[in-house]
């Protein structure tokens, strides 16, 4: 998601955010940064995610990046959806939502000819 946030112009991979998004949400979404650390002894590189934003009201169960987590989960759900829905519907989520709102069952939306390339993980 961090790479998607770096894309400045609308197009492939660009992250569209609505106008009503709050400052708190944006702080959570961008509340961390990725740094590379090189071990001097072994010359290996590690990539670490460092939290840079703390919520104003402390909570014991709060991680501080729920917006980022939820965005990643939604993106993963969209990725999984492409295996069960026809390509034309997968690319047009408004059309898919309208079909579901009309009461069409998910069985009528499935694209049965889609090939899954790997069956290594059961």
PDB file of N, CA and C in Angstrom:
ATOM      1  N   UNK A   1       0.809  -1.181   0.000  1.00  0.00           N
ATOM      2  CA  UNK A   1       0.000   0.000   0.000  1.00  0.00           C
ATOM      3  C   UNK A   1       0.861   1.258   0.000  1.00  0.00           C
ATOM      4  N   UNK A   2       2.016   1.186   0.597  1.00  0.00           N
ATOM      5  CA  UNK A   2       2.884   2.363   0.651  1.00  0.00           C
ATOM      6  C   UNK A   2       3.285   2.773  -0.759  1.00  0.00           C
ATOM      7  N   UNK A   3       3.564   1.800  -1.624  1.00  0.00           N
ATOM      8  CA  UNK A   3       3.932   2.109  -3.006  1.00  0.00           C
ATOM      9  C   UNK A   3       2.766   2.755  -3.743  1.00  0.00           C
ATOM     10  N   UNK A   4       1.549   2.324  -3.460  1.00  0.00           N
ATOM     11  CA  UNK A   4       0.368   2.912  -4.101  1.00  0.00           C
ATOM     12  C   UNK A   4       0.177   4.362  -3.661  1.00  0.00           C
ATOM     13  N   UNK A   5       0.517   4.666  -2.424  1.00  0.00           N
ATOM     14  CA  UNK A   5       0.361   6.040  -1.939  1.00  0.00           C
ATOM     15  C   UNK A   5       1.365   6.984  -2.584  1.00  0.00           C
ATOM     16  N   UNK A   6       2.434   6.465  -3.151  1.00  0.00           N
ATOM     17  CA  UNK A   6       3.449   7.301  -3.795  1.00  0.00           C
ATOM     18  C   UNK A   6       3.068   7.696  -5.220  1.00  0.00           C
ATOM     19  N   UNK A   7       2.061   7.041  -5.802  1.00  0.00           N
ATOM     20  CA  UNK A   7       1.632   7.354  -7.168  1.00  0.00           C
ATOM     21  C   UNK A   7       0.820   8.643  -7.131  1.00  0.00           C
ATOM     22  N   UNK A   8       1.260   9.658  -7.875  1.00  0.00           N
ATOM     23  CA  UNK A   8       0.669  10.987  -7.783  1.00  0.00           C
ATOM     24  C   UNK A   8      -0.472  11.233  -8.761  1.00  0.00           C
ATOM     25  N   UNK A   9      -0.503  10.524  -9.885  1.00  0.00           N
ATOM     26  CA  UNK A   9      -1.535  10.754 -10.892  1.00  0.00           C
ATOM     27  C   UNK A   9      -2.498   9.581 -10.967  1.00  0.00           C
ATOM     28  N   UNK A  10      -3.803   9.860 -11.157  1.00  0.00           N
ATOM     29  CA  UNK A  10      -4.772   8.765 -11.309  1.00  0.00           C
ATOM     30  C   UNK A  10      -4.402   7.868 -12.483  1.00  0.00           C
ATOM     31  N   UNK A  11      -4.542   6.586 -12.258  1.00  0.00           N
ATOM     32  CA  UNK A  11      -4.207   5.585 -13.258  1.00  0.00           C
ATOM     33  C   UNK A  11      -4.064   4.244 -12.571  1.00  0.00           C
ATOM     34  N   UNK A  12      -3.319   3.376 -13.169  1.00  0.00           N
ATOM     35  CA  UNK A  12      -3.121   2.044 -12.623  1.00  0.00           C
ATOM     36  C   UNK A  12      -2.399   2.107 -11.275  1.00  0.00           C
ATOM     37  N   UNK A  13      -3.017   1.531 -10.237  1.00  0.00           N
ATOM     38  CA  UNK A  13      -2.412   1.484  -8.922  1.00  0.00           C
ATOM     39  C   UNK A  13      -2.644   2.717  -8.056  1.00  0.00           C
ATOM     40  N   UNK A  14      -3.181   3.787  -8.623  1.00  0.00           N
ATOM     41  CA  UNK A  14      -3.418   5.032  -7.881  1.00  0.00           C
ATOM     42  C   UNK A  14      -4.449   4.793  -6.780  1.00  0.00           C
ATOM     43  N   UNK A  15      -4.234   5.383  -5.623  1.00  0.00           N
ATOM     44  CA  UNK A  15      -5.140   5.220  -4.495  1.00  0.00           C
ATOM     45  C   UNK A  15      -6.129   6.379  -4.452  1.00  0.00           C
ATOM     46  N   UNK A  16      -7.389   6.094  -4.770  1.00  0.00           N
ATOM     47  CA  UNK A  16      -8.436   7.112  -4.759  1.00  0.00           C
ATOM     48  C   UNK A  16      -9.019   7.199  -3.350  1.00  0.00           C
ATOM     49  N   UNK A  17      -9.050   8.393  -2.799  1.00  0.00           N
ATOM     50  CA  UNK A  17      -9.631   8.617  -1.472  1.00  0.00           C
ATOM     51  C   UNK A  17     -10.780   9.610  -1.597  1.00  0.00           C
ATOM     52  N   UNK A  18     -11.889   9.376  -0.900  1.00  0.00           N
ATOM     53  CA  UNK A  18     -13.009  10.317  -0.976  1.00  0.00           C
ATOM     54  C   UNK A  18     -12.688  11.625  -0.254  1.00  0.00           C
ATOM     55  N   UNK A  19     -13.470  12.648  -0.564  1.00  0.00           N
ATOM     56  CA  UNK A  19     -13.263  13.971   0.040  1.00  0.00           C
ATOM     57  C   UNK A  19     -13.562  13.990   1.531  1.00  0.00           C
ATOM     58  N   UNK A  20     -14.419  13.088   2.002  1.00  0.00           N
ATOM     59  CA  UNK A  20     -14.846  13.111   3.393  1.00  0.00           C
ATOM     60  C   UNK A  20     -13.897  12.385   4.343  1.00  0.00           C
ATOM     61  N   UNK A  21     -12.755  11.920   3.875  1.00  0.00           N
ATOM     62  CA  UNK A  21     -11.790  11.225   4.737  1.00  0.00           C
ATOM     63  C   UNK A  21     -11.263  12.195   5.788  1.00  0.00           C
ATOM     64  N   UNK A  22     -11.210  11.722   7.031  1.00  0.00           N
ATOM     65  CA  UNK A  22     -10.769  12.589   8.132  1.00  0.00           C
ATOM     66  C   UNK A  22      -9.245  12.629   8.237  1.00  0.00           C
ATOM     67  N   UNK A  23      -8.770  13.635   8.947  1.00  0.00           N
ATOM     68  CA  UNK A  23      -7.329  13.753   9.188  1.00  0.00           C
ATOM     69  C   UNK A  23      -6.818  12.562  10.004  1.00  0.00           C
ATOM     70  N   UNK A  24      -7.632  12.087  10.940  1.00  0.00           N
ATOM     71  CA  UNK A  24      -7.259  10.935  11.766  1.00  0.00           C
ATOM     72  C   UNK A  24      -7.007   9.704  10.898  1.00  0.00           C
ATOM     73  N   UNK A  25      -7.881   9.480   9.924  1.00  0.00           N
ATOM     74  CA  UNK A  25      -7.734   8.337   9.017  1.00  0.00           C
ATOM     75  C   UNK A  25      -6.435   8.463   8.216  1.00  0.00           C
ATOM     76  N   UNK A  26      -6.170   9.650   7.706  1.00  0.00           N
ATOM     77  CA  UNK A  26      -4.948   9.851   6.921  1.00  0.00           C
ATOM     78  C   UNK A  26      -3.699   9.689   7.784  1.00  0.00           C
ATOM     79  N   UNK A  27      -3.766  10.145   9.028  1.00  0.00           N
ATOM     80  CA  UNK A  27      -2.630   9.960   9.943  1.00  0.00           C
ATOM     81  C   UNK A  27      -2.378   8.477  10.195  1.00  0.00           C
ATOM     82  N   UNK A  28      -3.461   7.700  10.353  1.00  0.00           N
ATOM     83  CA  UNK A  28      -3.315   6.255  10.559  1.00  0.00           C
ATOM     84  C   UNK A  28      -2.778   5.579   9.300  1.00  0.00           C
ATOM     85  N   UNK A  29      -3.268   6.028   8.153  1.00  0.00           N
ATOM     86  CA  UNK A  29      -2.860   5.423   6.889  1.00  0.00           C
ATOM     87  C   UNK A  29      -1.377   5.649   6.606  1.00  0.00           C
ATOM     88  N   UNK A  30      -0.898   6.816   6.979  1.00  0.00           N
ATOM     89  CA  UNK A  30       0.506   7.155   6.722  1.00  0.00           C
ATOM     90  C   UNK A  30       1.324   7.144   8.012  1.00  0.00           C
ATOM     91  N   UNK A  31       0.829   6.466   9.043  1.00  0.00           N
ATOM     92  CA  UNK A  31       1.448   6.497  10.361  1.00  0.00           C
ATOM     93  C   UNK A  31       2.637   5.581  10.550  1.00  0.00           C
ATOM     94  N   UNK A  32       3.306   5.235   9.503  1.00  0.00           N
ATOM     95  CA  UNK A  32       4.496   4.399   9.625  1.00  0.00           C
ATOM     96  C   UNK A  32       5.368   4.591   8.413  1.00  0.00           C
ATOM     97  N   UNK A  33       6.586   4.130   8.519  1.00  0.00           N
ATOM     98  CA  UNK A  33       7.464   4.207   7.353  1.00  0.00           C
ATOM     99  C   UNK A  33       8.332   2.959   7.297  1.00  0.00           C
ATOM    100  N   UNK A  34       8.763   2.660   6.114  1.00  0.00           N
ATOM    101  CA  UNK A  34       9.587   1.481   5.884  1.00  0.00           C
ATOM    102  C   UNK A  34      11.036   1.941   5.798  1.00  0.00           C
ATOM    103  N   UNK A  35      11.896   1.312   6.580  1.00  0.00           N
ATOM    104  CA  UNK A  35      13.320   1.638   6.537  1.00  0.00           C
ATOM    105  C   UNK A  35      14.113   0.369   6.279  1.00  0.00           C
ATOM    106  N   UNK A  36      15.237   0.535   5.611  1.00  0.00           N
ATOM    107  CA  UNK A  36      16.147  -0.584   5.363  1.00  0.00           C
ATOM    108  C   UNK A  36      17.311  -0.491   6.332  1.00  0.00           C
ATOM    109  N   UNK A  37      17.637  -1.602   6.939  1.00  0.00           N
ATOM    110  CA  UNK A  37      18.741  -1.658   7.901  1.00  0.00           C
ATOM    111  C   UNK A  37      19.733  -2.700   7.412  1.00  0.00           C
ATOM    112  N   UNK A  38      21.010  -2.320   7.353  1.00  0.00           N
ATOM    113  CA  UNK A  38      22.050  -3.247   6.910  1.00  0.00           C
ATOM    114  C   UNK A  38      22.860  -3.693   8.130  1.00  0.00           C
ATOM    115  N   UNK A  39      23.011  -4.983   8.258  1.00  0.00           N
ATOM    116  CA  UNK A  39      23.828  -5.551   9.329  1.00  0.00           C
ATOM    117  C   UNK A  39      25.291  -5.428   8.900  1.00  0.00           C
ATOM    118  N   UNK A  40      26.099  -4.702   9.673  1.00  0.00           N
ATOM    119  CA  UNK A  40      27.496  -4.467   9.297  1.00  0.00           C
ATOM    120  C   UNK A  40      28.319  -5.748   9.301  1.00  0.00           C
ATOM    121  N   UNK A  41      27.966  -6.666  10.198  1.00  0.00           N
ATOM    122  CA  UNK A  41      28.735  -7.895  10.311  1.00  0.00           C
ATOM    123  C   UNK A  41      28.478  -8.852   9.143  1.00  0.00           C
ATOM    124  N   UNK A  42      27.221  -9.021   8.754  1.00  0.00           N
ATOM    125  CA  UNK A  42      26.887  -9.994   7.705  1.00  0.00           C
ATOM    126  C   UNK A  42      26.556  -9.343   6.365  1.00  0.00           C
ATOM    127  N   UNK A  43      26.476  -8.035   6.315  1.00  0.00           N
ATOM    128  CA  UNK A  43      26.129  -7.273   5.105  1.00  0.00           C
ATOM    129  C   UNK A  43      24.768  -7.655   4.526  1.00  0.00           C
ATOM    130  N   UNK A  44      23.871  -8.111   5.375  1.00  0.00           N
ATOM    131  CA  UNK A  44      22.523  -8.422   4.909  1.00  0.00           C
ATOM    132  C   UNK A  44      21.610  -7.237   5.203  1.00  0.00           C
ATOM    133  N   UNK A  45      20.578  -7.125   4.381  1.00  0.00           N
ATOM    134  CA  UNK A  45      19.619  -6.036   4.541  1.00  0.00           C
ATOM    135  C   UNK A  45      18.323  -6.561   5.116  1.00  0.00           C
ATOM    136  N   UNK A  46      17.732  -5.792   6.044  1.00  0.00           N
ATOM    137  CA  UNK A  46      16.418  -6.092   6.592  1.00  0.00           C
ATOM    138  C   UNK A  46      15.536  -4.885   6.339  1.00  0.00           C
ATOM    139  N   UNK A  47      14.267  -5.144   6.066  1.00  0.00           N
ATOM    140  CA  UNK A  47      13.304  -4.073   5.893  1.00  0.00           C
ATOM    141  C   UNK A  47      12.409  -4.069   7.120  1.00  0.00           C
ATOM    142  N   UNK A  48      12.325  -2.914   7.785  1.00  0.00           N
ATOM    143  CA  UNK A  48      11.530  -2.790   8.998  1.00  0.00           C
ATOM    144  C   UNK A  48      10.427  -1.770   8.789  1.00  0.00           C
ATOM    145  N   UNK A  49       9.284  -2.020   9.408  1.00  0.00           N
ATOM    146  CA  UNK A  49       8.172  -1.073   9.405  1.00  0.00           C
ATOM    147  C   UNK A  49       8.155  -0.393  10.766  1.00  0.00           C
ATOM    148  N   UNK A  50       8.365   0.908  10.777  1.00  0.00           N
ATOM    149  CA  UNK A  50       8.453   1.672  12.016  1.00  0.00           C
ATOM    150  C   UNK A  50       7.220   2.556  12.147  1.00  0.00           C
ATOM    151  N   UNK A  51       6.528   2.455  13.275  1.00  0.00           N
ATOM    152  CA  UNK A  51       5.343   3.268  13.536  1.00  0.00           C
ATOM    153  C   UNK A  51       5.766   4.683  13.899  1.00  0.00           C
ATOM    154  N   UNK A  52       5.181   5.669  13.209  1.00  0.00           N
ATOM    155  CA  UNK A  52       5.536   7.059  13.460  1.00  0.00           C
ATOM    156  C   UNK A  52       4.381   7.872  14.024  1.00  0.00           C
ATOM    157  N   UNK A  53       3.202   7.261  14.140  1.00  0.00           N
ATOM    158  CA  UNK A  53       2.020   7.978  14.618  1.00  0.00           C
ATOM    159  C   UNK A  53       1.443   7.262  15.815  1.00  0.00           C
ATOM    160  N   UNK A  54       1.167   7.996  16.863  1.00  0.00           N
ATOM    161  CA  UNK A  54       0.493   7.455  18.043  1.00  0.00           C
ATOM    162  C   UNK A  54      -0.847   8.139  18.200  1.00  0.00           C
ATOM    163  N   UNK A  55      -1.850   7.351  18.509  1.00  0.00           N
ATOM    164  CA  UNK A  55      -3.203   7.872  18.699  1.00  0.00           C
ATOM    165  C   UNK A  55      -3.219   8.790  19.924  1.00  0.00           C
ATOM    166  N   UNK A  56      -3.941   9.920  19.826  1.00  0.00           N
ATOM    167  CA  UNK A  56      -3.981  10.850  20.966  1.00  0.00           C
ATOM    168  C   UNK A  56      -4.540  10.232  22.241  1.00  0.00           C
ATOM    169  N   UNK A  57      -5.550   9.364  22.125  1.00  0.00           N
ATOM    170  CA  UNK A  57      -6.126   8.715  23.298  1.00  0.00           C
ATOM    171  C   UNK A  57      -5.542   7.315  23.387  1.00  0.00           C
ATOM    172  N   UNK A  58      -4.707   7.030  24.390  1.00  0.00           N
ATOM    173  CA  UNK A  58      -4.076   5.712  24.458  1.00  0.00           C
ATOM    174  C   UNK A  58      -5.080   4.599  24.751  1.00  0.00           C
ATOM    175  N   UNK A  59      -4.824   3.460  24.151  1.00  0.00           N
ATOM    176  CA  UNK A  59      -5.656   2.278  24.356  1.00  0.00           C
ATOM    177  C   UNK A  59      -4.744   1.065  24.337  1.00  0.00           C
ATOM    178  N   UNK A  60      -5.013   0.103  25.202  1.00  0.00           N
ATOM    179  CA  UNK A  60      -4.121  -1.054  25.307  1.00  0.00           C
ATOM    180  C   UNK A  60      -4.168  -1.953  24.081  1.00  0.00           C
ATOM    181  N   UNK A  61      -5.311  -1.989  23.369  1.00  0.00           N
ATOM    182  CA  UNK A  61      -5.423  -2.899  22.226  1.00  0.00           C
ATOM    183  C   UNK A  61      -5.204  -2.184  20.898  1.00  0.00           C
ATOM    184  N   UNK A  62      -4.838  -0.936  20.917  1.00  0.00           N
ATOM    185  CA  UNK A  62      -4.719  -0.153  19.693  1.00  0.00           C
ATOM    186  C   UNK A  62      -3.316  -0.272  19.123  1.00  0.00           C
ATOM    187  N   UNK A  63      -3.232  -0.583  17.851  1.00  0.00           N
ATOM    188  CA  UNK A  63      -1.928  -0.707  17.200  1.00  0.00           C
ATOM    189  C   UNK A  63      -1.487   0.589  16.537  1.00  0.00           C
ATOM    190  N   UNK A  64      -2.435   1.461  16.187  1.00  0.00           N
ATOM    191  CA  UNK A  64      -2.058   2.736  15.602  1.00  0.00           C
ATOM    192  C   UNK A  64      -2.109   2.789  14.099  1.00  0.00           C
ATOM    193  N   UNK A  65      -2.347   1.677  13.433  1.00  0.00           N
ATOM    194  CA  UNK A  65      -2.408   1.709  11.978  1.00  0.00           C
ATOM    195  C   UNK A  65      -3.592   0.886  11.461  1.00  0.00           C
ATOM    196  N   UNK A  66      -4.731   0.996  12.129  1.00  0.00           N
ATOM    197  CA  UNK A  66      -5.910   0.240  11.705  1.00  0.00           C
ATOM    198  C   UNK A  66      -6.362   0.633  10.312  1.00  0.00           C
ATOM    199  N   UNK A  67      -6.238   1.901   9.942  1.00  0.00           N
ATOM    200  CA  UNK A  67      -6.639   2.338   8.607  1.00  0.00           C
ATOM    201  C   UNK A  67      -5.796   1.639   7.549  1.00  0.00           C
ATOM    202  N   UNK A  68      -4.504   1.533   7.792  1.00  0.00           N
ATOM    203  CA  UNK A  68      -3.629   0.838   6.857  1.00  0.00           C
ATOM    204  C   UNK A  68      -3.971  -0.647   6.801  1.00  0.00           C
ATOM    205  N   UNK A  69      -4.208  -1.253   7.957  1.00  0.00           N
ATOM    206  CA  UNK A  69      -4.575  -2.673   7.991  1.00  0.00           C
ATOM    207  C   UNK A  69      -5.861  -2.932   7.219  1.00  0.00           C
ATOM    208  N   UNK A  70      -6.876  -2.098   7.449  1.00  0.00           N
ATOM    209  CA  UNK A  70      -8.154  -2.280   6.757  1.00  0.00           C
ATOM    210  C   UNK A  70      -8.013  -2.057   5.254  1.00  0.00           C
ATOM    211  N   UNK A  71      -7.182  -1.122   4.858  1.00  0.00           N
ATOM    212  CA  UNK A  71      -6.944  -0.890   3.434  1.00  0.00           C
ATOM    213  C   UNK A  71      -6.281  -2.105   2.801  1.00  0.00           C
ATOM    214  N   UNK A  72      -5.322  -2.697   3.483  1.00  0.00           N
ATOM    215  CA  UNK A  72      -4.660  -3.898   2.974  1.00  0.00           C
ATOM    216  C   UNK A  72      -5.644  -5.064   2.891  1.00  0.00           C
ATOM    217  N   UNK A  73      -6.501  -5.225   3.896  1.00  0.00           N
ATOM    218  CA  UNK A  73      -7.506  -6.290   3.882  1.00  0.00           C
ATOM    219  C   UNK A  73      -8.472  -6.112   2.713  1.00  0.00           C
ATOM    220  N   UNK A  74      -8.909  -4.882   2.471  1.00  0.00           N
ATOM    221  CA  UNK A  74      -9.815  -4.619   1.348  1.00  0.00           C
ATOM    222  C   UNK A  74      -9.144  -4.921   0.019  1.00  0.00           C
ATOM    223  N   UNK A  75      -7.886  -4.563  -0.093  1.00  0.00           N
ATOM    224  CA  UNK A  75      -7.148  -4.834  -1.326  1.00  0.00           C
ATOM    225  C   UNK A  75      -6.991  -6.341  -1.536  1.00  0.00           C
ATOM    226  N   UNK A  76      -6.737  -7.071  -0.462  1.00  0.00           N
ATOM    227  CA  UNK A  76      -6.624  -8.531  -0.556  1.00  0.00           C
ATOM    228  C   UNK A  76      -7.966  -9.146  -0.943  1.00  0.00           C
ATOM    229  N   UNK A  77      -9.062  -8.624  -0.404  1.00  0.00           N
ATOM    230  CA  UNK A  77     -10.390  -9.108  -0.770  1.00  0.00           C
ATOM    231  C   UNK A  77     -10.692  -8.861  -2.232  1.00  0.00           C
ATOM    232  N   UNK A  78     -10.290  -7.707  -2.740  1.00  0.00           N
ATOM    233  CA  UNK A  78     -10.481  -7.398  -4.146  1.00  0.00           C
ATOM    234  C   UNK A  78      -9.649  -8.333  -5.021  1.00  0.00           C
ATOM    235  N   UNK A  79      -8.446  -8.643  -4.583  1.00  0.00           N
ATOM    236  CA  UNK A  79      -7.585  -9.578  -5.312  1.00  0.00           C
ATOM    237  C   UNK A  79      -8.218 -10.974  -5.348  1.00  0.00           C
ATOM    238  N   UNK A  80      -8.771 -11.413  -4.218  1.00  0.00           N
ATOM    239  CA  UNK A  80      -9.423 -12.727  -4.168  1.00  0.00           C
ATOM    240  C   UNK A  80     -10.694 -12.755  -5.003  1.00  0.00           C
ATOM    241  N   UNK A  81     -11.390 -11.632  -5.086  1.00  0.00           N
ATOM    242  CA  UNK A  81     -12.641 -11.546  -5.838  1.00  0.00           C
ATOM    243  C   UNK A  81     -12.448 -11.867  -7.310  1.00  0.00           C
ATOM    244  N   UNK A  82     -11.290 -11.539  -7.863  1.00  0.00           N
ATOM    245  CA  UNK A  82     -11.059 -11.767  -9.285  1.00  0.00           C
ATOM    246  C   UNK A  82     -11.087 -13.242  -9.675  1.00  0.00           C
ATOM    247  N   UNK A  83     -10.927 -14.132  -8.709  1.00  0.00           N
ATOM    248  CA  UNK A  83     -10.971 -15.562  -9.004  1.00  0.00           C
ATOM    249  C   UNK A  83     -12.392 -16.114  -9.025  1.00  0.00           C
ATOM    250  N   UNK A  84     -13.356 -15.343  -8.561  1.00  0.00           N
ATOM    251  CA  UNK A  84     -14.730 -15.825  -8.454  1.00  0.00           C
ATOM    252  C   UNK A  84     -15.726 -15.038  -9.289  1.00  0.00           C
ATOM    253  N   UNK A  85     -15.307 -13.916  -9.843  1.00  0.00           N
ATOM    254  CA  UNK A  85     -16.201 -13.054 -10.592  1.00  0.00           C
ATOM    255  C   UNK A  85     -15.596 -12.808 -11.970  1.00  0.00           C
ATOM    256  N   UNK A  86     -16.451 -12.673 -12.960  1.00  0.00           N
ATOM    257  CA  UNK A  86     -15.989 -12.405 -14.326  1.00  0.00           C
ATOM    258  C   UNK A  86     -15.138 -11.139 -14.354  1.00  0.00           C
ATOM    259  N   UNK A  87     -14.177 -11.113 -15.268  1.00  0.00           N
ATOM    260  CA  UNK A  87     -13.246  -9.982 -15.361  1.00  0.00           C
ATOM    261  C   UNK A  87     -13.961  -8.656 -15.570  1.00  0.00           C
ATOM    262  N   UNK A  88     -15.007  -8.662 -16.384  1.00  0.00           N
ATOM    263  CA  UNK A  88     -15.725  -7.413 -16.652  1.00  0.00           C
ATOM    264  C   UNK A  88     -16.356  -6.862 -15.376  1.00  0.00           C
ATOM    265  N   UNK A  89     -16.842  -7.735 -14.503  1.00  0.00           N
ATOM    266  CA  UNK A  89     -17.437  -7.281 -13.249  1.00  0.00           C
ATOM    267  C   UNK A  89     -16.378  -6.919 -12.228  1.00  0.00           C
ATOM    268  N   UNK A  90     -15.274  -7.641 -12.228  1.00  0.00           N
ATOM    269  CA  UNK A  90     -14.209  -7.369 -11.273  1.00  0.00           C
ATOM    270  C   UNK A  90     -13.650  -5.967 -11.475  1.00  0.00           C
ATOM    271  N   UNK A  91     -13.596  -5.530 -12.728  1.00  0.00           N
ATOM    272  CA  UNK A  91     -13.050  -4.200 -13.026  1.00  0.00           C
ATOM    273  C   UNK A  91     -14.083  -3.092 -12.858  1.00  0.00           C
ATOM    274  N   UNK A  92     -15.369  -3.461 -12.763  1.00  0.00           N
ATOM    275  CA  UNK A  92     -16.435  -2.473 -12.607  1.00  0.00           C
ATOM    276  C   UNK A  92     -17.240  -2.812 -11.355  1.00  0.00           C
ATOM    277  N   UNK A  93     -16.741  -2.390 -10.206  1.00  0.00           N
ATOM    278  CA  UNK A  93     -17.376  -2.744  -8.939  1.00  0.00           C
ATOM    279  C   UNK A  93     -18.737  -2.085  -8.758  1.00  0.00           C
ATOM    280  N   UNK A  94     -18.972  -0.955  -9.417  1.00  0.00           N
ATOM    281  CA  UNK A  94     -20.288  -0.309  -9.335  1.00  0.00           C
ATOM    282  C   UNK A  94     -21.325  -1.213  -9.992  1.00  0.00           C
ATOM    283  N   UNK A  95     -20.984  -1.764 -11.147  1.00  0.00           N
ATOM    284  CA  UNK A  95     -21.893  -2.679 -11.847  1.00  0.00           C
ATOM    285  C   UNK A  95     -22.145  -3.930 -11.004  1.00  0.00           C
ATOM    286  N   UNK A  96     -21.099  -4.453 -10.378  1.00  0.00           N
ATOM    287  CA  UNK A  96     -21.235  -5.628  -9.512  1.00  0.00           C
ATOM    288  C   UNK A  96     -22.156  -5.326  -8.331  1.00  0.00           C
ATOM    289  N   UNK A  97     -21.992  -4.162  -7.709  1.00  0.00           N
ATOM    290  CA  UNK A  97     -22.837  -3.785  -6.578  1.00  0.00           C
ATOM    291  C   UNK A  97     -24.294  -3.631  -7.007  1.00  0.00           C
ATOM    292  N   UNK A  98     -24.512  -3.087  -8.198  1.00  0.00           N
ATOM    293  CA  UNK A  98     -25.877  -2.937  -8.707  1.00  0.00           C
ATOM    294  C   UNK A  98     -26.525  -4.299  -8.948  1.00  0.00           C
ATOM    295  N   UNK A  99     -25.769  -5.242  -9.483  1.00  0.00           N
ATOM    296  CA  UNK A  99     -26.303  -6.583  -9.733  1.00  0.00           C
ATOM    297  C   UNK A  99     -26.684  -7.265  -8.420  1.00  0.00           C
ATOM    298  N   UNK A 100     -25.852  -7.101  -7.415  1.00  0.00           N
ATOM    299  CA  UNK A 100     -26.138  -7.705  -6.112  1.00  0.00           C
ATOM    300  C   UNK A 100     -27.351  -7.024  -5.476  1.00  0.00           C
ATOM    301  N   UNK A 101     -27.449  -5.693  -5.631  1.00  0.00           N
ATOM    302  CA  UNK A 101     -28.594  -4.959  -5.084  1.00  0.00           C
ATOM    303  C   UNK A 101     -29.911  -5.386  -5.741  1.00  0.00           C
ATOM    304  N   UNK A 102     -29.839  -5.791  -7.019  1.00  0.00           N
ATOM    305  CA  UNK A 102     -31.038  -6.272  -7.714  1.00  0.00           C
ATOM    306  C   UNK A 102     -31.447  -7.659  -7.246  1.00  0.00           C
ATOM    307  N   UNK A 103     -30.601  -8.305  -6.445  1.00  0.00           N
ATOM    308  CA  UNK A 103     -30.943  -9.608  -5.892  1.00  0.00           C
ATOM    309  C   UNK A 103     -30.389 -10.792  -6.649  1.00  0.00           C
ATOM    310  N   UNK A 104     -29.480 -10.557  -7.568  1.00  0.00           N
ATOM    311  CA  UNK A 104     -28.876 -11.686  -8.277  1.00  0.00           C
ATOM    312  C   UNK A 104     -27.947 -12.417  -7.321  1.00  0.00           C
ATOM    313  N   UNK A 105     -28.026 -13.732  -7.339  1.00  0.00           N
ATOM    314  CA  UNK A 105     -27.197 -14.523  -6.426  1.00  0.00           C
ATOM    315  C   UNK A 105     -25.766 -14.594  -6.936  1.00  0.00           C
ATOM    316  N   UNK A 106     -24.814 -14.792  -6.041  1.00  0.00           N
ATOM    317  CA  UNK A 106     -23.411 -14.891  -6.451  1.00  0.00           C
ATOM    318  C   UNK A 106     -23.150 -16.009  -7.446  1.00  0.00           C
ATOM    319  N   UNK A 107     -23.976 -17.062  -7.462  1.00  0.00           N
ATOM    320  CA  UNK A 107     -23.769 -18.150  -8.421  1.00  0.00           C
ATOM    321  C   UNK A 107     -23.901 -17.654  -9.858  1.00  0.00           C
ATOM    322  N   UNK A 108     -24.774 -16.677 -10.092  1.00  0.00           N
ATOM    323  CA  UNK A 108     -24.946 -16.165 -11.450  1.00  0.00           C
ATOM    324  C   UNK A 108     -23.804 -15.239 -11.845  1.00  0.00           C
ATOM    325  N   UNK A 109     -23.009 -14.812 -10.878  1.00  0.00           N
ATOM    326  CA  UNK A 109     -21.907 -13.907 -11.161  1.00  0.00           C
ATOM    327  C   UNK A 109     -20.592 -14.634 -11.408  1.00  0.00           C
ATOM    328  N   UNK A 110     -20.514 -15.910 -11.029  1.00  0.00           N
ATOM    329  CA  UNK A 110     -19.254 -16.642 -11.113  1.00  0.00           C
ATOM    330  C   UNK A 110     -18.829 -16.849 -12.558  1.00  0.00           C
ATOM    331  N   UNK A 111     -17.563 -16.755 -12.768  1.00  0.00           N
ATOM    332  CA  UNK A 111     -16.970 -17.012 -14.080  1.00  0.00           C
ATOM    333  C   UNK A 111     -16.282 -18.370 -13.984  1.00  0.00           C
ATOM    334  N   UNK A 112     -16.908 -19.381 -14.502  1.00  0.00           N
ATOM    335  CA  UNK A 112     -16.446 -20.750 -14.296  1.00  0.00           C
ATOM    336  C   UNK A 112     -15.177 -21.096 -15.078  1.00  0.00           C
ATOM    337  N   UNK A 113     -14.850 -20.364 -16.133  1.00  0.00           N
ATOM    338  CA  UNK A 113     -13.707 -20.712 -16.959  1.00  0.00           C
ATOM    339  C   UNK A 113     -12.381 -20.170 -16.474  1.00  0.00           C
ATOM    340  N   UNK A 114     -12.373 -19.500 -15.350  1.00  0.00           N
ATOM    341  CA  UNK A 114     -11.133 -18.899 -14.853  1.00  0.00           C
ATOM    342  C   UNK A 114     -10.158 -19.982 -14.417  1.00  0.00           C
ATOM    343  N   UNK A 115      -8.940 -19.883 -14.849  1.00  0.00           N
ATOM    344  CA  UNK A 115      -7.938 -20.891 -14.524  1.00  0.00           C
ATOM    345  C   UNK A 115      -7.100 -20.441 -13.331  1.00  0.00           C
ATOM    346  N   UNK A 116      -6.906 -21.316 -12.380  1.00  0.00           N
ATOM    347  CA  UNK A 116      -6.035 -21.045 -11.246  1.00  0.00           C
ATOM    348  C   UNK A 116      -4.707 -21.715 -11.551  1.00  0.00           C
ATOM    349  N   UNK A 117      -3.641 -20.959 -11.572  1.00  0.00           N
ATOM    350  CA  UNK A 117      -2.360 -21.458 -12.046  1.00  0.00           C
ATOM    351  C   UNK A 117      -1.669 -22.389 -11.084  1.00  0.00           C
ATOM    352  N   UNK A 118      -1.796 -22.173  -9.808  1.00  0.00           N
ATOM    353  CA  UNK A 118      -1.057 -22.973  -8.846  1.00  0.00           C
ATOM    354  C   UNK A 118      -2.007 -23.759  -7.959  1.00  0.00           C
ATOM    355  N   UNK A 119      -1.725 -25.024  -7.776  1.00  0.00           N
ATOM    356  CA  UNK A 119      -2.481 -25.842  -6.849  1.00  0.00           C
ATOM    357  C   UNK A 119      -1.535 -26.423  -5.792  1.00  0.00           C
ATOM    358  N   UNK A 120      -0.402 -25.761  -5.588  1.00  0.00           N
ATOM    359  CA  UNK A 120       0.618 -26.264  -4.692  1.00  0.00           C
ATOM    360  C   UNK A 120       0.181 -26.180  -3.236  1.00  0.00           C
ATOM    361  N   UNK A 121      -0.565 -25.146  -2.886  1.00  0.00           N
ATOM    362  CA  UNK A 121      -1.000 -24.973  -1.509  1.00  0.00           C
ATOM    363  C   UNK A 121      -2.434 -25.434  -1.429  1.00  0.00           C
ATOM    364  N   UNK A 122      -2.691 -26.377  -0.529  1.00  0.00           N
ATOM    365  CA  UNK A 122      -4.062 -26.914  -0.428  1.00  0.00           C
ATOM    366  C   UNK A 122      -4.836 -26.194   0.641  1.00  0.00           C
TER     367      UNK A 122
END
